[in-house]
C-alpha atoms as a PDB file:
ATOM      1  CA  MET A   1       0.000   0.000   0.000  1.00  0.00           C
ATOM      2  CA  LEU A   2       1.228   3.488  -0.924  1.00  0.00           C
ATOM      3  CA  LEU A   3       0.523   6.721   0.932  1.00  0.00           C
ATOM      4  CA  ASP A   4      -0.684   8.258  -2.335  1.00  0.00           C
ATOM      5  CA  GLN A   5      -3.461   5.645  -2.538  1.00  0.00           C
ATOM      6  CA  ILE A   6      -5.103   6.924   0.659  1.00  0.00           C
ATOM      7  CA  SER A   7      -7.532   9.837   0.815  1.00  0.00           C
ATOM      8  CA  VAL A   8      -8.988  11.681   3.787  1.00  0.00           C
ATOM      9  CA  VAL A   9     -12.736  12.278   3.562  1.00  0.00           C
ATOM     10  CA  LEU A  10     -14.353  14.827   5.885  1.00  0.00           C
ATOM     11  CA  VAL A  11     -18.148  14.607   6.036  1.00  0.00           C
ATOM     12  CA  GLU A  12     -19.830  17.986   6.512  1.00  0.00           C
ATOM     13  CA  PRO A  13     -16.918  19.563   8.441  1.00  0.00           C
ATOM     14  CA  GLN A  14     -18.095  22.602  10.400  1.00  0.00           C
ATOM     15  CA  GLY A  15     -14.905  24.337  11.464  1.00  0.00           C
ATOM     16  CA  PRO A  16     -12.374  25.970   9.132  1.00  0.00           C
ATOM     17  CA  LEU A  17      -9.731  25.731  11.860  1.00  0.00           C
ATOM     18  CA  ASN A  18     -10.142  21.960  11.897  1.00  0.00           C
ATOM     19  CA  ILE A  19      -9.937  21.701   8.125  1.00  0.00           C
ATOM     20  CA  GLY A  20      -6.766  23.765   8.079  1.00  0.00           C
ATOM     21  CA  SER A  21      -5.232  21.712  10.885  1.00  0.00           C
ATOM     22  CA  ILE A  22      -6.049  18.471   9.072  1.00  0.00           C
ATOM     23  CA  SER A  23      -4.422  19.825   5.916  1.00  0.00           C
ATOM     24  CA  ARG A  24      -1.246  20.484   7.871  1.00  0.00           C
ATOM     25  CA  ALA A  25      -1.313  17.032   9.487  1.00  0.00           C
ATOM     26  CA  MET A  26      -1.814  15.396   6.105  1.00  0.00           C
ATOM     27  CA  MET A  27       1.320  16.986   4.716  1.00  0.00           C
ATOM     28  CA  ASN A  28       3.203  16.244   7.946  1.00  0.00           C
ATOM     29  CA  PHE A  29       2.608  12.530   7.379  1.00  0.00           C
ATOM     30  CA  GLY A  30       2.845  12.453   3.574  1.00  0.00           C
ATOM     31  CA  PHE A  31      -0.816  12.400   2.502  1.00  0.00           C
ATOM     32  CA  SER A  32      -2.204  14.740  -0.140  1.00  0.00           C
ATOM     33  CA  HIS A  33      -5.739  13.719  -1.177  1.00  0.00           C
ATOM     34  CA  LEU A  34      -8.512  15.520   0.702  1.00  0.00           C
ATOM     35  CA  THR A  35     -12.234  15.247  -0.051  1.00  0.00           C
ATOM     36  CA  LEU A  36     -14.876  17.418   1.608  1.00  0.00           C
ATOM     37  CA  VAL A  37     -18.476  16.219   1.642  1.00  0.00           C
ATOM     38  CA  ASN A  38     -20.933  19.123   1.740  1.00  0.00           C
ATOM     39  CA  PRO A  39     -18.658  21.328   3.895  1.00  0.00           C
ATOM     40  CA  GLN A  40     -20.497  23.635   6.287  1.00  0.00           C
ATOM     41  CA  CYS A  41     -17.841  26.338   6.115  1.00  0.00           C
ATOM     42  CA  ASP A  42     -15.396  27.914   3.667  1.00  0.00           C
ATOM     43  CA  HIS A  43     -12.372  25.624   3.478  1.00  0.00           C
ATOM     44  CA  LEU A  44     -10.387  28.458   1.902  1.00  0.00           C
ATOM     45  CA  SER A  45     -11.245  31.058   4.555  1.00  0.00           C
ATOM     46  CA  ASN A  46      -8.530  32.995   6.366  1.00  0.00           C
ATOM     47  CA  ASP A  47      -8.974  30.788   9.453  1.00  0.00           C
ATOM     48  CA  ALA A  48      -8.460  27.602   7.439  1.00  0.00           C
ATOM     49  CA  LEU A  49      -5.468  28.988   5.543  1.00  0.00           C
ATOM     50  CA  ARG A  50      -3.888  30.273   8.745  1.00  0.00           C
ATOM     51  CA  MET A  51      -4.034  26.835  10.355  1.00  0.00           C
ATOM     52  CA  ALA A  52      -2.843  25.133   7.169  1.00  0.00           C
ATOM     53  CA  VAL A  53       0.355  27.254   7.283  1.00  0.00           C
ATOM     54  CA  LYS A  54       2.336  26.142   4.202  1.00  0.00           C
ATOM     55  CA  THR A  55      -0.032  23.398   3.109  1.00  0.00           C
ATOM     56  CA  GLN A  56      -2.627  25.529   1.313  1.00  0.00           C
ATOM     57  CA  SER A  57      -2.169  23.441  -1.823  1.00  0.00           C
ATOM     58  CA  ILE A  58      -4.021  20.555  -0.169  1.00  0.00           C
ATOM     59  CA  LEU A  59      -6.988  22.835   0.527  1.00  0.00           C
ATOM     60  CA  GLU A  60      -6.892  24.366  -2.931  1.00  0.00           C
ATOM     61  CA  ASN A  61      -6.864  20.934  -4.560  1.00  0.00           C
ATOM     62  CA  ALA A  62      -9.489  19.435  -2.248  1.00  0.00           C
ATOM     63  CA  LYS A  63     -12.303  17.595  -3.975  1.00  0.00           C
ATOM     64  CA  ILE A  64     -15.743  18.961  -3.045  1.00  0.00           C
ATOM     65  CA  VAL A  65     -18.759  16.635  -3.364  1.00  0.00           C
ATOM     66  CA  SER A  66     -22.325  16.636  -2.101  1.00  0.00           C
ATOM     67  CA  THR A  67     -22.593  13.061  -0.775  1.00  0.00           C
ATOM     68  CA  LEU A  68     -20.387  10.417   0.772  1.00  0.00           C
ATOM     69  CA  GLU A  69     -21.304   8.055  -2.069  1.00  0.00           C
ATOM     70  CA  ALA A  70     -19.760  10.527  -4.502  1.00  0.00           C
ATOM     71  CA  ALA A  71     -16.674  10.848  -2.298  1.00  0.00           C
ATOM     72  CA  LEU A  72     -16.167   7.088  -2.369  1.00  0.00           C
ATOM     73  CA  GLU A  73     -16.347   6.710  -6.136  1.00  0.00           C
ATOM     74  CA  GLY A  74     -13.275   4.757  -7.233  1.00  0.00           C
ATOM     75  CA  VAL A  75     -12.457   3.799  -3.629  1.00  0.00           C
ATOM     76  CA  ASN A  76     -11.964   0.104  -2.920  1.00  0.00           C
ATOM     77  CA  VAL A  77     -11.826   0.052   0.883  1.00  0.00           C
ATOM     78  CA  SER A  78     -13.193   2.628   3.312  1.00  0.00           C
ATOM     79  CA  PHE A  79     -12.724   3.001   7.053  1.00  0.00           C
ATOM     80  CA  GLY A  80     -15.347   5.015   8.936  1.00  0.00           C
ATOM     81  CA  THR A  81     -14.559   6.469  12.349  1.00  0.00           C
ATOM     82  CA  THR A  82     -17.185   6.087  15.053  1.00  0.00           C
ATOM     83  CA  ARG A  83     -17.810   5.406  18.735  1.00  0.00           C
ATOM     84  CA  ARG A  84     -21.284   4.029  18.057  1.00  0.00           C
ATOM     85  CA  PHE A  85     -21.107   0.321  18.844  1.00  0.00           C
ATOM     86  CA  GLY A  86     -24.326  -0.703  17.116  1.00  0.00           C
ATOM     87  CA  LYS A  87     -25.711  -4.186  16.608  1.00  0.00           C
ATOM     88  CA  TYR A  88     -24.451  -4.373  13.042  1.00  0.00           C
ATOM     89  CA  ARG A  89     -21.020  -2.913  13.692  1.00  0.00           C
ATOM     90  CA  ASN A  90     -19.016  -5.809  15.015  1.00  0.00           C
ATOM     91  CA  LEU A  91     -15.579  -5.269  13.545  1.00  0.00           C
ATOM     92  CA  PHE A  92     -13.807  -2.303  15.089  1.00  0.00           C
ATOM     93  CA  PHE A  93     -10.138  -1.443  14.771  1.00  0.00           C
ATOM     94  CA  ALA A  94      -7.982   0.828  16.869  1.00  0.00           C
ATOM     95  CA  PRO A  95      -5.978   3.195  14.617  1.00  0.00           C
ATOM     96  CA  ASP A  96      -2.851   1.021  14.695  1.00  0.00           C
ATOM     97  CA  GLU A  97      -4.870  -2.118  13.870  1.00  0.00           C
ATOM     98  CA  ALA A  98      -6.584  -0.367  10.966  1.00  0.00           C
ATOM     99  CA  ALA A  99      -3.191   0.797   9.719  1.00  0.00           C
ATOM    100  CA  GLU A 100      -1.913  -2.792   9.709  1.00  0.00           C
ATOM    101  CA  LYS A 101      -4.930  -3.909   7.678  1.00  0.00           C
ATOM    102  CA  ILE A 102      -4.398  -1.065   5.206  1.00  0.00           C
ATOM    103  CA  GLN A 103      -0.724  -1.978   4.952  1.00  0.00           C
ATOM    104  CA  ALA A 104      -1.713  -5.512   3.941  1.00  0.00           C
ATOM    105  CA  THR A 105      -3.970  -4.229   1.144  1.00  0.00           C
ATOM    106  CA  SER A 106      -2.957  -4.398  -2.504  1.00  0.00           C
ATOM    107  CA  ASP A 107      -0.875  -1.466  -3.783  1.00  0.00           C
ATOM    108  CA  GLU A 108      -3.455  -1.021  -6.535  1.00  0.00           C
ATOM    109  CA  ALA A 109      -6.343  -0.475  -4.129  1.00  0.00           C
ATOM    110  CA  ARG A 110      -7.587   2.965  -3.132  1.00  0.00           C
ATOM    111  CA  VAL A 111      -8.413   3.518   0.539  1.00  0.00           C
ATOM    112  CA  ALA A 112     -10.478   6.222   2.236  1.00  0.00           C
ATOM    113  CA  LEU A 113     -10.332   7.365   5.860  1.00  0.00           C
ATOM    114  CA  VAL A 114     -13.814   8.761   6.517  1.00  0.00           C
ATOM    115  CA  MET A 115     -14.164  11.249   9.367  1.00  0.00           C
ATOM    116  CA  GLY A 116     -17.559  12.410  10.645  1.00  0.00           C
ATOM    117  CA  ARG A 117     -19.003  15.714  11.773  1.00  0.00           C
ATOM    118  CA  GLU A 118     -17.501  17.471  14.770  1.00  0.00           C
ATOM    119  CA  ASP A 119     -20.764  17.305  16.729  1.00  0.00           C
ATOM    120  CA  LYS A 120     -22.580  14.177  15.539  1.00  0.00           C
ATOM    121  CA  GLY A 121     -20.049  12.009  13.719  1.00  0.00           C
ATOM    122  CA  LEU A 122     -21.199   9.764  10.878  1.00  0.00           C
ATOM    123  CA  LYS A 123     -24.845   8.804  10.390  1.00  0.00           C
ATOM    124  CA  THR A 124     -25.949   5.177  10.171  1.00  0.00           C
ATOM    125  CA  ASP A 125     -26.466   5.272   6.394  1.00  0.00           C
ATOM    126  CA  GLU A 126     -22.995   6.787   5.993  1.00  0.00           C
ATOM    127  CA  LEU A 127     -21.412   4.094   8.149  1.00  0.00           C
ATOM    128  CA  ASP A 128     -23.199   1.547   5.967  1.00  0.00           C
ATOM    129  CA  LEU A 129     -21.006   2.720   3.074  1.00  0.00           C
ATOM    130  CA  CYS A 130     -17.824   1.871   4.986  1.00  0.00           C
ATOM    131  CA  GLN A 131     -16.468  -1.662   5.102  1.00  0.00           C
ATOM    132  CA  TYR A 132     -14.586  -1.245   8.375  1.00  0.00           C
ATOM    133  CA  PHE A 133     -14.728   0.952  11.466  1.00  0.00           C
ATOM    134  CA  ILE A 134     -12.081   2.740  13.473  1.00  0.00           C
ATOM    135  CA  THR A 135     -12.638   3.720  17.073  1.00  0.00           C
ATOM    136  CA  LEU A 136     -10.121   5.596  19.186  1.00  0.00           C
ATOM    137  CA  PRO A 137      -9.462   4.045  22.622  1.00  0.00           C
ATOM    138  CA  THR A 138      -9.983   7.227  24.623  1.00  0.00           C
ATOM    139  CA  ASP A 139     -10.806   7.407  28.326  1.00  0.00           C
ATOM    140  CA  GLU A 140     -14.503   7.008  29.179  1.00  0.00           C
ATOM    141  CA  THR A 141     -14.466  10.117  31.360  1.00  0.00           C
ATOM    142  CA  TYR A 142     -14.049  12.231  28.209  1.00  0.00           C
ATOM    143  CA  PRO A 143     -14.157  10.017  25.090  1.00  0.00           C
ATOM    144  CA  SER A 144     -14.794  12.641  22.399  1.00  0.00           C
ATOM    145  CA  MET A 145     -11.730  13.858  20.504  1.00  0.00           C
ATOM    146  CA  ASN A 146     -11.251  16.969  18.401  1.00  0.00           C
ATOM    147  CA  LEU A 147     -11.672  16.170  14.697  1.00  0.00           C
ATOM    148  CA  ALA A 148      -8.203  17.357  13.697  1.00  0.00           C
ATOM    149  CA  GLN A 149      -6.532  15.507  16.569  1.00  0.00           C
ATOM    150  CA  ALA A 150      -8.359  12.264  15.779  1.00  0.00           C
ATOM    151  CA  THR A 151      -7.448  12.525  12.097  1.00  0.00           C
ATOM    152  CA  SER A 152      -3.813  13.240  12.930  1.00  0.00           C
ATOM    153  CA  LEU A 153      -3.614  10.183  15.178  1.00  0.00           C
ATOM    154  CA  CYS A 154      -5.010   7.919  12.434  1.00  0.00           C
ATOM    155  CA  LEU A 155      -2.658   9.351   9.788  1.00  0.00           C
ATOM    156  CA  TYR A 156       0.351   8.909  12.066  1.00  0.00           C
ATOM    157  CA  GLU A 157      -0.447   5.230  12.578  1.00  0.00           C
ATOM    158  CA  MET A 158      -1.006   4.704   8.852  1.00  0.00           C
ATOM    159  CA  ARG A 159       2.298   6.275   7.904  1.00  0.00           C
ATOM    160  CA  LYS A 160       4.160   4.301  10.555  1.00  0.00           C
ATOM    161  CA  ALA A 161       2.679   0.982   9.408  1.00  0.00           C
ATOM    162  CA  ILE A 162       2.939   1.575   5.662  1.00  0.00           C
ATOM    163  CA  LEU A 163       6.530   2.781   5.688  1.00  0.00           C
ATOM    164  CA  GLY A 164       7.489  -0.092   7.943  1.00  0.00           C
ATOM    165  CA  GLY A 165       7.531  -2.442   4.960  1.00  0.00           C
ATOM    166  CA  LYS A 166       5.168  -5.008   3.525  1.00  0.00           C
ATOM    167  CA  PRO A 167       3.837  -7.593   5.975  1.00  0.00           C
ATOM    168  CA  GLN A 168       3.744 -11.308   5.333  1.00  0.00           C
ATOM    169  CA  GLY A 169       0.609 -12.623   3.650  1.00  0.00           C
ATOM    170  CA  ILE A 170      -0.270  -9.424   1.806  1.00  0.00           C
ATOM    171  CA  ASP A 171      -3.519  -9.660  -0.166  1.00  0.00           C
ATOM    172  CA  GLU A 172      -2.663  -8.760  -3.756  1.00  0.00           C
ATOM    173  CA  ARG A 173      -6.293  -8.924  -4.898  1.00  0.00           C
ATOM    174  CA  VAL A 174      -7.804  -5.525  -5.692  1.00  0.00           C
ATOM    175  CA  PRO A 175     -11.178  -5.081  -3.949  1.00  0.00           C
ATOM    176  CA  ALA A 176     -14.157  -3.946  -6.011  1.00  0.00           C
ATOM    177  CA  SER A 177     -14.835  -0.223  -6.115  1.00  0.00           C
ATOM    178  CA  SER A 178     -17.296   1.276  -3.665  1.00  0.00           C
ATOM    179  CA  GLU A 179     -19.793   2.132  -6.407  1.00  0.00           C
ATOM    180  CA  SER A 180     -19.713  -1.424  -7.822  1.00  0.00           C
ATOM    181  CA  LEU A 181     -20.331  -2.879  -4.386  1.00  0.00           C
ATOM    182  CA  GLU A 182     -23.161  -0.430  -3.675  1.00  0.00           C
ATOM    183  CA  ARG A 183     -24.757  -1.137  -7.067  1.00  0.00           C
ATOM    184  CA  MET A 184     -24.674  -4.857  -6.321  1.00  0.00           C
ATOM    185  CA  LEU A 185     -26.122  -4.340  -2.826  1.00  0.00           C
ATOM    186  CA  ARG A 186     -28.966  -2.207  -4.193  1.00  0.00           C
ATOM    187  CA  HIS A 187     -29.725  -4.936  -6.738  1.00  0.00           C
ATOM    188  CA  MET A 188     -29.638  -7.583  -4.016  1.00  0.00           C
ATOM    189  CA  ARG A 189     -31.945  -5.523  -1.809  1.00  0.00           C
ATOM    190  CA  GLN A 190     -34.585  -5.249  -4.535  1.00  0.00           C
ATOM    191  CA  SER A 191     -34.281  -8.902  -5.551  1.00  0.00           C
ATOM    192  CA  LEU A 192     -34.699 -10.089  -1.957  1.00  0.00           C
ATOM    193  CA  LEU A 193     -37.666  -7.771  -1.491  1.00  0.00           C
ATOM    194  CA  ASP A 194     -39.287  -9.133  -4.654  1.00  0.00           C
ATOM    195  CA  ILE A 195     -39.068 -12.734  -3.414  1.00  0.00           C
ATOM    196  CA  GLU A 196     -40.334 -11.618   0.020  1.00  0.00           C
ATOM    197  CA  TYR A 197     -37.167 -12.650   1.791  1.00  0.00           C
ATOM    198  CA  LEU A 198     -36.789  -9.223   3.395  1.00  0.00           C
ATOM    199  CA  ASP A 199     -39.367  -7.613   5.658  1.00  0.00           C
ATOM    200  CA  THR A 200     -40.775  -4.721   3.630  1.00  0.00           C
ATOM    201  CA  SER A 201     -41.325  -2.680   6.795  1.00  0.00           C
ATOM    202  CA  ASN A 202     -37.645  -2.949   7.797  1.00  0.00           C
ATOM    203  CA  PRO A 203     -35.545  -4.464   4.983  1.00  0.00           C
ATOM    204  CA  ASP A 204     -32.265  -3.034   6.264  1.00  0.00           C
ATOM    205  CA  HIS A 205     -32.523  -5.079   9.477  1.00  0.00           C
ATOM    206  CA  ILE A 206     -31.095  -8.136   7.709  1.00  0.00           C
ATOM    207  CA  LEU A 207     -29.438  -6.280   4.846  1.00  0.00           C
ATOM    208  CA  ARG A 208     -26.895  -4.658   7.163  1.00  0.00           C
ATOM    209  CA  THR A 209     -25.605  -8.093   8.065  1.00  0.00           C
ATOM    210  CA  TYR A 210     -25.102  -8.841   4.386  1.00  0.00           C
ATOM    211  CA  ARG A 211     -23.326  -5.492   4.042  1.00  0.00           C
ATOM    212  CA  ARG A 212     -20.834  -6.559   6.676  1.00  0.00           C
ATOM    213  CA  ILE A 213     -20.350  -9.989   5.094  1.00  0.00           C
ATOM    214  CA  PHE A 214     -19.744  -8.661   1.592  1.00  0.00           C
ATOM    215  CA  GLY A 215     -18.026  -5.432   2.605  1.00  0.00           C
ATOM    216  CA  GLN A 216     -15.502  -7.106   4.868  1.00  0.00           C
ATOM    217  CA  GLY A 217     -14.958  -9.949   2.415  1.00  0.00           C
ATOM    218  CA  SER A 218     -12.963  -7.652   0.101  1.00  0.00           C
ATOM    219  CA  LEU A 219     -14.865  -8.840  -2.970  1.00  0.00           C
ATOM    220  CA  THR A 220     -13.153  -8.285  -6.310  1.00  0.00           C
ATOM    221  CA  GLU A 221     -14.923  -6.793  -9.331  1.00  0.00           C
ATOM    222  CA  ARG A 222     -15.255 -10.302 -10.797  1.00  0.00           C
ATOM    223  CA  GLU A 223     -16.866 -11.604  -7.602  1.00  0.00           C
ATOM    224  CA  VAL A 224     -19.264  -8.659  -7.518  1.00  0.00           C
ATOM    225  CA  ASN A 225     -20.222  -9.380 -11.137  1.00  0.00           C
ATOM    226  CA  ILE A 226     -20.845 -13.030 -10.268  1.00  0.00           C
ATOM    227  CA  LEU A 227     -23.187 -11.959  -7.458  1.00  0.00           C
ATOM    228  CA  GLN A 228     -24.915  -9.558  -9.843  1.00  0.00           C
ATOM    229  CA  GLY A 229     -25.519 -12.549 -12.104  1.00  0.00           C
ATOM    230  CA  LEU A 230     -27.048 -14.456  -9.190  1.00  0.00           C
ATOM    231  CA  TRP A 231     -29.492 -11.651  -8.396  1.00  0.00           C
ATOM    232  CA  SER A 232     -30.370 -11.364 -12.101  1.00  0.00           C
ATOM    233  CA  ARG A 233     -31.116 -15.089 -12.189  1.00  0.00           C
ATOM    234  CA  ILE A 234     -33.297 -14.753  -9.097  1.00  0.00           C
ATOM    235  CA  ASP A 235     -35.100 -11.860 -10.807  1.00  0.00           C
ATOM    236  CA  TRP A 236     -35.765 -14.035 -13.869  1.00  0.00           C
ATOM    237  CA  VAL A 237     -37.013 -16.987 -11.822  1.00  0.00           C
ATOM    238  CA  GLU A 238     -39.315 -14.712  -9.815  1.00  0.00           C
ATOM    239  CA  SER A 239     -40.627 -13.151 -13.029  1.00  0.00           C
ATOM    240  CA  GLU A 240     -41.392 -16.590 -14.467  1.00  0.00           C
ATOM    241  CA  ARG A 241     -43.053 -17.652 -11.204  1.00  0.00           C
ATOM    242  CA  ARG A 242     -45.330 -14.628 -11.284  1.00  0.00           C
ATOM    243  CA  LYS A 243     -46.251 -15.265 -14.926  1.00  0.00           C
ATOM    244  CA  TRP A 244     -47.137 -18.873 -14.061  1.00  0.00           C
ATOM    245  CA  LYS A 245     -49.134 -17.792 -11.019  1.00  0.00           C
ATOM    246  CA  SER A 246     -51.089 -15.227 -13.019  1.00  0.00           C
ATOM    247  CA  LYS A 247     -52.049 -17.935 -15.535  1.00  0.00           C
ATOM    248  CA  VAL A 248     -53.111 -20.334 -12.780  1.00  0.00           C
ATOM    249  CA  ASP A 249     -55.180 -17.659 -11.047  1.00  0.00           C
ATOM    250  CA  ALA A 250     -56.811 -16.508 -14.271  1.00  0.00           C
END
């Protein structure tokens, strides 16, 4: 894994001082790709530029998008940061553990570190787009960290692990892109609804488990296409079943 293959994604950042500080930390540790999702402030304001010091180029070249889905286009593996230990979030990494997993990823893969809002973090549907989760082992008396500090800690661990050399057993397979995986999951959702496998009143109850299975399985594009073929076959069988049923009921 190369440092240049990793991007930092800030979801609806609210403070220009934080954005500027993150820009500086990124250049400190050798990262250069910054994406801002619907920023709630001017990332090129005087406050942001003052905190960025000599790293304004990262802010000037930052990619601005309206949704996290758009930010993850072309990304193969994404790590969302959260302290919300929900029922469907069962694979958490500390920053150093996440860095080791990233280090063992193919050099051709693109990785995103997704950071949430300063006040509310990432929403459930945003966490659903991430394959893995990072949580910082802070003290329970005051667990919340400043956004820039948390990002800096994660970037430090990533740089330390990646520049430490390739580990044994590196996975050379390139995971499918985020958009391919999401397209397949949307297809699966509709197919399973059509055959009444999912509860129409709460389809995501079971679907989130499948998200974890497929997301953490590092599926390749070929494997995603094979699954797409399976859902298409299910669609065809269900269509034929309904045609037969309509004839019988006629």
